N, C-alpha and C. Protein backbone atom coordinates (compact mmCIF):
# COMPACT_ATOMS: atom_id res chain seq x y z
N ARG A 1 93.62 169.18 109.33
CA ARG A 1 94.48 169.19 110.32
C ARG A 1 94.19 169.75 111.45
N THR A 2 94.10 169.15 112.88
CA THR A 2 93.69 169.96 114.04
C THR A 2 95.03 170.40 114.79
N PHE A 3 95.12 171.62 115.34
CA PHE A 3 96.23 171.96 116.28
C PHE A 3 95.79 172.63 117.34
N PRO A 4 96.43 172.75 118.47
CA PRO A 4 95.84 173.43 119.59
C PRO A 4 95.12 174.59 119.57
N TRP A 5 95.32 175.52 118.50
CA TRP A 5 94.83 176.73 118.29
C TRP A 5 93.53 176.87 117.15
N GLY A 6 93.47 175.76 116.69
CA GLY A 6 92.28 175.33 115.56
C GLY A 6 92.75 174.30 114.44
N THR A 7 91.58 174.34 113.32
CA THR A 7 91.62 173.48 112.42
C THR A 7 91.88 174.23 111.05
N VAL A 8 93.04 173.43 110.51
CA VAL A 8 93.19 173.98 109.15
C VAL A 8 92.62 172.82 108.13
N GLN A 9 91.92 173.31 107.12
CA GLN A 9 91.38 172.51 106.20
C GLN A 9 92.10 172.89 104.77
N TYR A 10 92.70 171.81 104.06
CA TYR A 10 93.49 172.18 102.81
C TYR A 10 92.69 171.53 101.78
N ILE A 11 92.27 172.49 100.67
CA ILE A 11 91.59 172.23 99.76
C ILE A 11 92.45 172.00 98.28
N HIS A 12 92.56 171.21 97.42
CA HIS A 12 93.15 171.11 96.27
C HIS A 12 92.32 171.41 95.05
N GLY A 13 92.39 171.77 94.08
CA GLY A 13 91.50 171.79 93.05
C GLY A 13 91.37 173.07 92.53
N TYR A 14 90.55 172.98 91.40
CA TYR A 14 90.40 174.40 90.55
C TYR A 14 89.43 175.46 91.40
N ALA A 15 90.04 176.79 91.53
CA ALA A 15 89.19 177.79 92.50
C ALA A 15 88.04 177.78 91.81
N GLU A 16 87.81 177.86 90.44
CA GLU A 16 86.41 178.19 89.95
C GLU A 16 85.22 177.00 90.31
N ASP A 17 85.89 176.09 90.73
CA ASP A 17 85.14 174.88 91.03
C ASP A 17 84.40 175.15 92.39
N ILE A 18 84.66 176.04 93.31
CA ILE A 18 84.28 176.28 94.54
C ILE A 18 82.79 176.80 94.68
N PHE A 19 82.31 177.26 93.62
CA PHE A 19 80.85 177.46 93.66
C PHE A 19 80.13 176.07 93.47
N GLU A 20 80.50 174.99 92.98
CA GLU A 20 79.72 173.85 92.96
C GLU A 20 80.05 173.06 94.01
N ASN A 21 80.84 173.54 94.95
CA ASN A 21 81.35 172.49 96.02
C ASN A 21 80.41 172.41 97.43
N GLN A 22 79.64 171.47 97.39
CA GLN A 22 78.46 171.52 98.32
C GLN A 22 79.04 171.35 99.48
N THR A 23 80.11 170.82 100.02
CA THR A 23 80.79 170.57 101.23
C THR A 23 81.38 171.89 101.94
N LEU A 24 81.65 172.99 101.08
CA LEU A 24 81.82 174.31 101.50
C LEU A 24 80.78 175.15 101.42
N ALA A 25 79.82 174.84 100.91
CA ALA A 25 78.56 175.84 100.67
C ALA A 25 77.81 176.41 101.96
N THR A 26 78.03 175.92 102.84
CA THR A 26 77.53 176.19 104.22
C THR A 26 78.42 176.64 105.28
N GLN A 27 79.87 176.52 105.16
CA GLN A 27 80.79 176.67 105.91
C GLN A 27 81.27 178.21 106.01
N LYS A 28 81.69 178.56 107.00
CA LYS A 28 82.15 179.96 107.32
C LYS A 28 83.52 179.67 107.85
N PHE A 29 84.67 180.47 107.52
CA PHE A 29 86.08 180.38 107.99
C PHE A 29 86.51 181.66 108.65
N ASP A 30 87.50 181.52 109.42
CA ASP A 30 88.11 182.68 109.87
C ASP A 30 89.26 183.23 109.17
N MET A 31 89.69 182.31 108.32
CA MET A 31 90.82 182.89 107.26
C MET A 31 90.88 181.94 106.17
N ILE A 32 90.93 182.46 104.87
CA ILE A 32 90.98 181.66 103.72
C ILE A 32 92.26 182.22 102.86
N PHE A 33 93.28 181.18 102.69
CA PHE A 33 94.68 181.79 102.14
C PHE A 33 94.60 180.96 100.82
N MET A 34 95.26 181.79 99.88
CA MET A 34 95.40 181.10 98.31
C MET A 34 96.78 181.62 98.00
N GLY A 35 97.50 180.52 97.74
CA GLY A 35 98.92 180.78 97.62
C GLY A 35 99.33 180.53 96.17
N GLN A 36 99.88 181.65 95.30
CA GLN A 36 99.97 181.43 93.95
C GLN A 36 98.94 180.99 93.16
N VAL A 37 97.63 181.29 93.25
CA VAL A 37 96.58 180.85 92.76
C VAL A 37 95.50 182.06 91.82
N VAL A 38 95.54 183.14 92.32
CA VAL A 38 94.82 184.15 91.54
C VAL A 38 95.15 184.27 90.18
N GLU A 39 96.54 184.31 89.76
CA GLU A 39 96.91 184.56 88.46
C GLU A 39 96.59 183.46 87.35
N HIS A 40 95.97 182.11 87.89
CA HIS A 40 95.63 180.92 87.34
C HIS A 40 94.11 181.13 86.97
N ILE A 41 93.47 182.14 87.56
CA ILE A 41 91.91 182.19 87.44
C ILE A 41 91.50 182.95 86.43
N HIS A 42 90.64 182.39 85.70
CA HIS A 42 89.91 183.31 84.42
C HIS A 42 89.50 184.61 84.93
N ILE A 43 90.01 185.57 84.18
CA ILE A 43 89.78 186.94 84.86
C ILE A 43 88.45 187.40 85.20
N ASP A 44 87.26 186.74 84.38
CA ASP A 44 86.02 187.05 84.33
C ASP A 44 85.38 186.37 85.57
N LYS A 45 85.99 185.35 86.11
CA LYS A 45 85.64 184.74 87.31
C LYS A 45 86.05 185.08 88.67
N LEU A 46 87.18 186.16 88.76
CA LEU A 46 87.87 186.43 89.85
C LEU A 46 86.97 187.33 90.79
N PRO A 47 86.32 188.22 90.14
CA PRO A 47 85.36 188.95 91.25
C PRO A 47 84.18 188.36 91.77
N ALA A 48 83.75 187.29 91.29
CA ALA A 48 82.65 186.36 91.90
C ALA A 48 83.31 185.48 93.00
N LEU A 49 84.41 185.01 92.59
CA LEU A 49 85.22 184.09 93.49
C LEU A 49 85.49 184.91 94.83
N PHE A 50 86.12 186.23 94.85
CA PHE A 50 86.38 187.00 95.64
C PHE A 50 84.81 187.11 96.61
N GLU A 51 83.80 187.52 96.16
CA GLU A 51 82.59 187.60 96.75
C GLU A 51 82.19 186.43 97.54
N TRP A 52 82.49 185.47 96.69
CA TRP A 52 82.11 184.15 97.24
C TRP A 52 82.89 183.90 98.77
N ILE A 53 84.32 184.11 98.70
CA ILE A 53 85.24 184.24 99.68
C ILE A 53 84.61 185.06 100.87
N HIS A 54 84.35 186.19 100.44
CA HIS A 54 83.79 187.32 101.59
C HIS A 54 82.55 186.67 102.25
N LYS A 55 81.79 186.14 101.34
CA LYS A 55 80.45 185.68 102.05
C LYS A 55 81.02 184.42 102.98
N HIS A 56 81.75 183.70 102.70
CA HIS A 56 82.05 182.53 103.60
C HIS A 56 83.31 182.91 104.69
N LEU A 57 83.56 184.13 105.05
CA LEU A 57 84.45 184.27 106.21
C LEU A 57 83.48 184.50 107.19
N ASN A 58 83.86 184.39 108.27
CA ASN A 58 83.10 184.89 109.72
C ASN A 58 83.56 186.58 110.06
N ALA A 59 82.80 187.17 110.50
CA ALA A 59 82.97 188.43 110.78
C ALA A 59 84.39 188.67 111.34
N GLY A 60 85.19 189.52 110.81
CA GLY A 60 86.46 189.69 110.97
C GLY A 60 87.41 189.12 110.68
N GLY A 61 87.03 187.94 109.72
CA GLY A 61 87.65 186.85 109.20
C GLY A 61 88.63 187.69 107.94
N TYR A 62 89.91 186.77 107.81
CA TYR A 62 90.63 187.22 106.73
C TYR A 62 90.75 186.55 105.54
N PHE A 63 90.91 187.24 104.27
CA PHE A 63 91.57 186.50 102.96
C PHE A 63 92.91 187.02 102.75
N CYS A 64 93.86 186.21 102.45
CA CYS A 64 95.01 186.18 101.98
C CYS A 64 95.51 185.50 100.77
N CYS A 65 96.24 186.13 100.03
CA CYS A 65 96.76 185.59 98.92
C CYS A 65 98.12 186.02 98.43
N ASP A 66 99.08 185.20 97.58
CA ASP A 66 100.13 185.89 97.04
C ASP A 66 100.02 185.60 95.51
N THR A 67 100.69 186.37 94.78
CA THR A 67 100.85 186.42 93.35
C THR A 67 102.24 187.13 93.03
N PRO A 68 102.25 186.85 91.60
CA PRO A 68 103.56 187.60 91.07
C PRO A 68 102.91 189.07 90.88
N ASN A 69 103.95 189.73 90.76
CA ASN A 69 103.58 191.41 90.59
C ASN A 69 103.95 191.82 89.11
N ARG A 70 102.67 192.19 88.42
CA ARG A 70 102.86 192.21 86.84
C ARG A 70 103.96 193.55 86.80
N LEU A 71 103.83 194.41 87.74
CA LEU A 71 104.75 195.76 87.43
C LEU A 71 106.19 195.32 87.14
N ILE A 72 106.60 194.16 87.91
CA ILE A 72 107.66 193.63 87.90
C ILE A 72 108.07 192.35 86.59
N THR A 73 106.95 191.56 86.57
CA THR A 73 107.23 190.46 85.69
C THR A 73 106.91 191.00 84.06
N PHE A 74 106.58 192.19 84.03
CA PHE A 74 106.26 192.78 82.76
C PHE A 74 107.79 193.10 82.00
N TYR A 75 108.78 193.35 82.82
CA TYR A 75 109.99 193.62 82.43
C TYR A 75 110.78 192.47 82.34
N GLU A 76 110.18 191.24 82.49
CA GLU A 76 111.04 189.74 82.55
C GLU A 76 110.56 189.24 81.34
N THR A 77 108.99 189.26 81.09
CA THR A 77 108.60 188.50 80.01
C THR A 77 108.05 189.52 78.62
N GLY A 78 107.80 190.97 79.09
CA GLY A 78 107.43 191.63 78.00
C GLY A 78 105.70 191.67 78.09
N GLU A 79 105.24 192.49 76.88
CA GLU A 79 103.75 192.67 76.66
C GLU A 79 103.33 191.29 76.29
N GLY A 80 102.07 190.92 76.47
CA GLY A 80 101.32 190.05 76.16
C GLY A 80 101.74 188.64 76.67
N ASN A 81 102.99 188.47 77.61
CA ASN A 81 103.38 187.24 78.06
C ASN A 81 103.57 187.12 79.42
N TYR A 82 103.46 186.05 80.13
CA TYR A 82 103.51 186.00 81.52
C TYR A 82 104.60 184.91 81.91
N ILE A 83 105.05 185.19 83.35
CA ILE A 83 106.03 184.15 83.55
C ILE A 83 105.72 182.57 83.48
N ASP A 84 104.40 182.29 83.55
CA ASP A 84 103.94 180.93 83.44
C ASP A 84 102.95 180.83 82.04
N PRO A 85 103.01 180.05 81.39
CA PRO A 85 101.93 180.05 80.18
C PRO A 85 100.53 179.60 80.73
N ASP A 86 100.24 179.12 81.97
CA ASP A 86 99.09 178.74 82.29
C ASP A 86 98.43 180.20 83.10
N HIS A 87 99.19 181.42 83.25
CA HIS A 87 98.70 182.49 83.91
C HIS A 87 97.65 183.00 83.08
N LYS A 88 96.61 183.30 83.66
CA LYS A 88 95.46 184.02 82.93
C LYS A 88 95.85 185.63 82.75
N LYS A 89 96.34 185.81 83.96
CA LYS A 89 96.69 187.59 84.25
C LYS A 89 97.54 187.44 85.39
N GLU A 90 98.43 188.55 85.26
CA GLU A 90 99.58 188.99 86.20
C GLU A 90 98.86 190.22 86.73
N TYR A 91 98.70 190.33 88.11
CA TYR A 91 98.05 191.54 88.53
C TYR A 91 99.10 192.28 89.32
N THR A 92 98.83 193.95 89.36
CA THR A 92 99.40 194.67 90.04
C THR A 92 98.91 194.59 91.40
N PRO A 93 99.61 195.20 92.34
CA PRO A 93 98.80 195.57 93.83
C PRO A 93 97.59 196.25 93.58
N ARG A 94 97.60 197.21 93.03
CA ARG A 94 96.49 198.25 92.86
C ARG A 94 95.37 197.53 92.42
N GLU A 95 95.34 196.49 91.39
CA GLU A 95 94.59 196.06 90.58
C GLU A 95 93.67 194.91 91.70
N LEU A 96 94.50 194.09 92.50
CA LEU A 96 94.01 193.22 93.28
C LEU A 96 93.42 194.19 94.71
N THR A 97 93.97 195.31 94.95
CA THR A 97 93.23 196.13 95.75
C THR A 97 92.05 196.36 95.70
N ALA A 98 91.66 196.93 94.52
CA ALA A 98 90.49 197.27 93.79
C ALA A 98 89.40 196.25 93.66
N LEU A 99 89.89 194.92 93.31
CA LEU A 99 89.05 193.83 93.38
C LEU A 99 88.70 193.47 94.76
N LEU A 100 89.40 193.46 95.72
CA LEU A 100 89.12 193.04 97.06
C LEU A 100 87.84 194.02 97.56
N LYS A 101 88.35 195.44 97.18
CA LYS A 101 87.46 196.40 97.80
C LYS A 101 86.23 196.37 97.09
N GLN A 102 85.93 195.98 96.01
CA GLN A 102 84.93 195.93 95.13
C GLN A 102 84.05 194.51 95.71
N ALA A 103 84.77 193.92 96.34
CA ALA A 103 83.85 192.44 96.83
C ALA A 103 83.70 192.59 98.28
N GLY A 104 83.85 193.62 98.85
CA GLY A 104 83.40 194.06 100.20
C GLY A 104 84.64 194.01 101.48
N PHE A 105 85.66 193.61 100.97
CA PHE A 105 86.70 193.59 101.93
C PHE A 105 87.01 195.12 102.42
N ILE A 106 87.63 194.99 103.85
CA ILE A 106 88.08 196.27 104.41
C ILE A 106 89.48 196.12 104.98
N ASP A 107 90.17 197.05 105.30
CA ASP A 107 91.59 197.08 105.60
C ASP A 107 92.31 196.17 104.83
N VAL A 108 92.07 196.35 103.39
CA VAL A 108 92.93 195.70 102.42
C VAL A 108 94.69 196.41 102.28
N LYS A 109 95.54 195.46 102.51
CA LYS A 109 96.83 195.89 102.66
C LYS A 109 97.78 194.92 101.85
N SER A 110 98.75 195.31 101.13
CA SER A 110 99.70 194.34 100.64
C SER A 110 100.89 194.82 101.00
N SER A 111 101.98 193.70 100.79
CA SER A 111 103.30 193.85 101.17
C SER A 111 103.93 193.03 100.08
N GLY A 112 105.24 193.38 99.90
CA GLY A 112 106.11 192.88 98.75
C GLY A 112 106.95 191.43 99.29
N ILE A 113 107.18 190.62 98.47
CA ILE A 113 107.99 189.33 98.50
C ILE A 113 108.85 189.44 97.71
N LEU A 114 109.92 189.50 98.16
CA LEU A 114 111.54 189.46 97.05
C LEU A 114 111.55 190.71 96.38
N GLU A 115 111.78 191.75 97.19
CA GLU A 115 112.07 193.35 96.76
C GLU A 115 113.17 193.30 95.55
N MET A 116 112.64 193.69 94.35
CA MET A 116 113.49 193.99 93.30
C MET A 116 113.91 195.63 92.95
N PRO A 117 114.65 196.17 93.74
CA PRO A 117 114.69 197.75 94.04
C PRO A 117 115.24 198.28 92.51
N HIS A 118 115.65 197.75 91.66
CA HIS A 118 116.33 198.47 90.46
C HIS A 118 115.61 198.08 89.09
N VAL A 119 114.61 197.16 89.10
CA VAL A 119 113.90 196.53 87.68
C VAL A 119 113.13 197.85 87.55
N GLN A 120 112.19 198.41 88.08
CA GLN A 120 111.25 199.66 87.70
C GLN A 120 112.20 200.82 87.23
N ILE A 121 113.12 201.06 88.01
CA ILE A 121 114.08 202.14 87.64
C ILE A 121 114.86 202.14 86.57
N ASN A 122 115.51 200.85 85.97
CA ASN A 122 116.17 200.57 85.11
C ASN A 122 115.22 199.96 83.86
N ARG A 123 114.11 200.02 84.09
CA ARG A 123 113.05 199.36 83.12
C ARG A 123 113.77 198.26 82.36
N SER A 124 114.25 197.46 83.13
CA SER A 124 114.74 195.99 82.82
C SER A 124 114.88 194.84 83.91
N PHE A 125 114.71 193.69 83.46
CA PHE A 125 114.93 192.82 84.62
C PHE A 125 116.12 192.42 84.69
N ASP A 126 116.77 192.25 85.75
CA ASP A 126 118.09 191.85 86.27
C ASP A 126 118.06 190.77 87.34
N VAL A 127 118.54 189.92 87.30
CA VAL A 127 118.38 188.74 88.45
C VAL A 127 119.28 189.37 89.58
N SER A 128 120.47 190.16 89.35
CA SER A 128 121.09 190.97 90.51
C SER A 128 120.25 191.55 91.73
N ASP A 129 118.83 191.85 91.35
CA ASP A 129 118.18 192.34 92.18
C ASP A 129 117.35 191.36 93.24
N TYR A 130 117.65 190.15 92.95
CA TYR A 130 117.48 188.90 93.89
C TYR A 130 118.44 189.14 95.02
N TYR A 131 119.32 189.54 94.82
CA TYR A 131 120.56 189.70 96.02
C TYR A 131 120.56 191.38 96.54
N ASP A 132 120.01 192.37 95.86
CA ASP A 132 120.12 193.52 96.49
C ASP A 132 118.82 193.95 97.38
N GLY A 133 117.87 193.34 97.00
CA GLY A 133 116.70 193.38 97.64
C GLY A 133 116.32 192.77 98.97
N ASP A 134 115.27 193.24 99.72
CA ASP A 134 115.11 192.69 101.02
C ASP A 134 113.99 191.38 100.57
N LEU A 135 113.86 190.36 101.37
CA LEU A 135 113.07 189.29 101.18
C LEU A 135 111.53 189.84 101.28
N LEU A 136 111.33 190.49 102.30
CA LEU A 136 110.12 191.12 102.33
C LEU A 136 110.07 192.93 102.44
N CYS A 137 109.13 193.21 101.95
CA CYS A 137 109.04 194.65 101.98
C CYS A 137 107.84 195.48 101.99
N HIS A 138 107.75 196.72 102.45
CA HIS A 138 106.53 197.19 102.59
C HIS A 138 105.96 197.72 101.09
N ASP A 139 106.66 198.19 100.48
CA ASP A 139 106.29 198.49 99.22
C ASP A 139 105.89 197.31 97.99
N ALA A 140 104.85 196.90 97.82
CA ALA A 140 104.51 195.74 97.28
C ALA A 140 104.65 196.04 95.84
N GLU A 141 104.59 197.26 95.31
CA GLU A 141 105.03 197.53 93.83
C GLU A 141 106.50 197.51 93.57
N ARG A 142 107.51 197.07 94.40
CA ARG A 142 108.86 196.92 94.01
C ARG A 142 109.37 195.51 94.26
N ALA A 143 108.26 194.74 94.51
CA ALA A 143 108.65 193.40 94.71
C ALA A 143 108.24 192.27 93.61
N TYR A 144 109.00 191.21 93.80
CA TYR A 144 108.62 190.37 92.44
C TYR A 144 107.20 189.55 92.53
N CYS A 145 107.10 189.47 93.81
CA CYS A 145 105.63 188.96 94.07
C CYS A 145 105.12 189.70 95.23
N PHE A 146 103.79 189.76 95.78
CA PHE A 146 103.24 190.44 96.89
C PHE A 146 102.29 189.66 97.33
N ALA A 147 101.90 189.71 98.67
CA ALA A 147 100.82 189.38 99.36
C ALA A 147 100.04 190.27 99.68
N ILE A 148 98.56 189.92 99.72
CA ILE A 148 97.58 190.91 100.00
C ILE A 148 96.60 190.36 101.16
N THR A 149 95.95 191.09 101.91
CA THR A 149 95.30 190.60 102.79
C THR A 149 93.81 191.70 102.91
N GLY A 150 92.75 191.24 103.23
CA GLY A 150 91.43 192.02 103.18
C GLY A 150 90.69 191.31 104.30
N ARG A 151 89.89 192.05 105.00
CA ARG A 151 89.30 191.49 106.34
C ARG A 151 87.69 191.73 105.94
N CYS A 152 86.88 190.91 106.42
CA CYS A 152 85.28 190.69 106.40
C CYS A 152 85.02 191.45 107.67
N ASN A 153 84.01 192.60 107.34
CA ASN A 153 83.33 193.16 108.48
C ASN A 153 81.89 192.74 108.64
N THR A 154 81.39 191.65 108.02
CA THR A 154 80.05 191.45 108.12
C THR A 154 80.10 189.77 108.70
């Protein structure tokens, strides 16, 4: 879809299939966004996917994604379970930061979505946190979900 400020290309499918997508193989982008996707990608495929994304961004381009925060969902589901049975892994902000930096991204930053200020302190999940926390916060580790961005410098 084309807007006065640029074009948005929406692609729906399995992220792991991007390596075989001939239409995208030679394209470069100013930004790539993945909403609630990384937790569904097989763990062993995610580093290569981040490298593919980095390679297909224009210099100065951004990658952005949002995902559930395992530091919080752990208290909801316990060890060995995730909030969705299709999740391959729920990440912490530090884990995704490390993976993005490993793929070559710079200026990696995260922020929280739906702050849950009492979960980690009380070591239990309580839905009252939905009402006590801010919708957006700077401390990604205290939020139910988090967004993370990284910039391509090449």
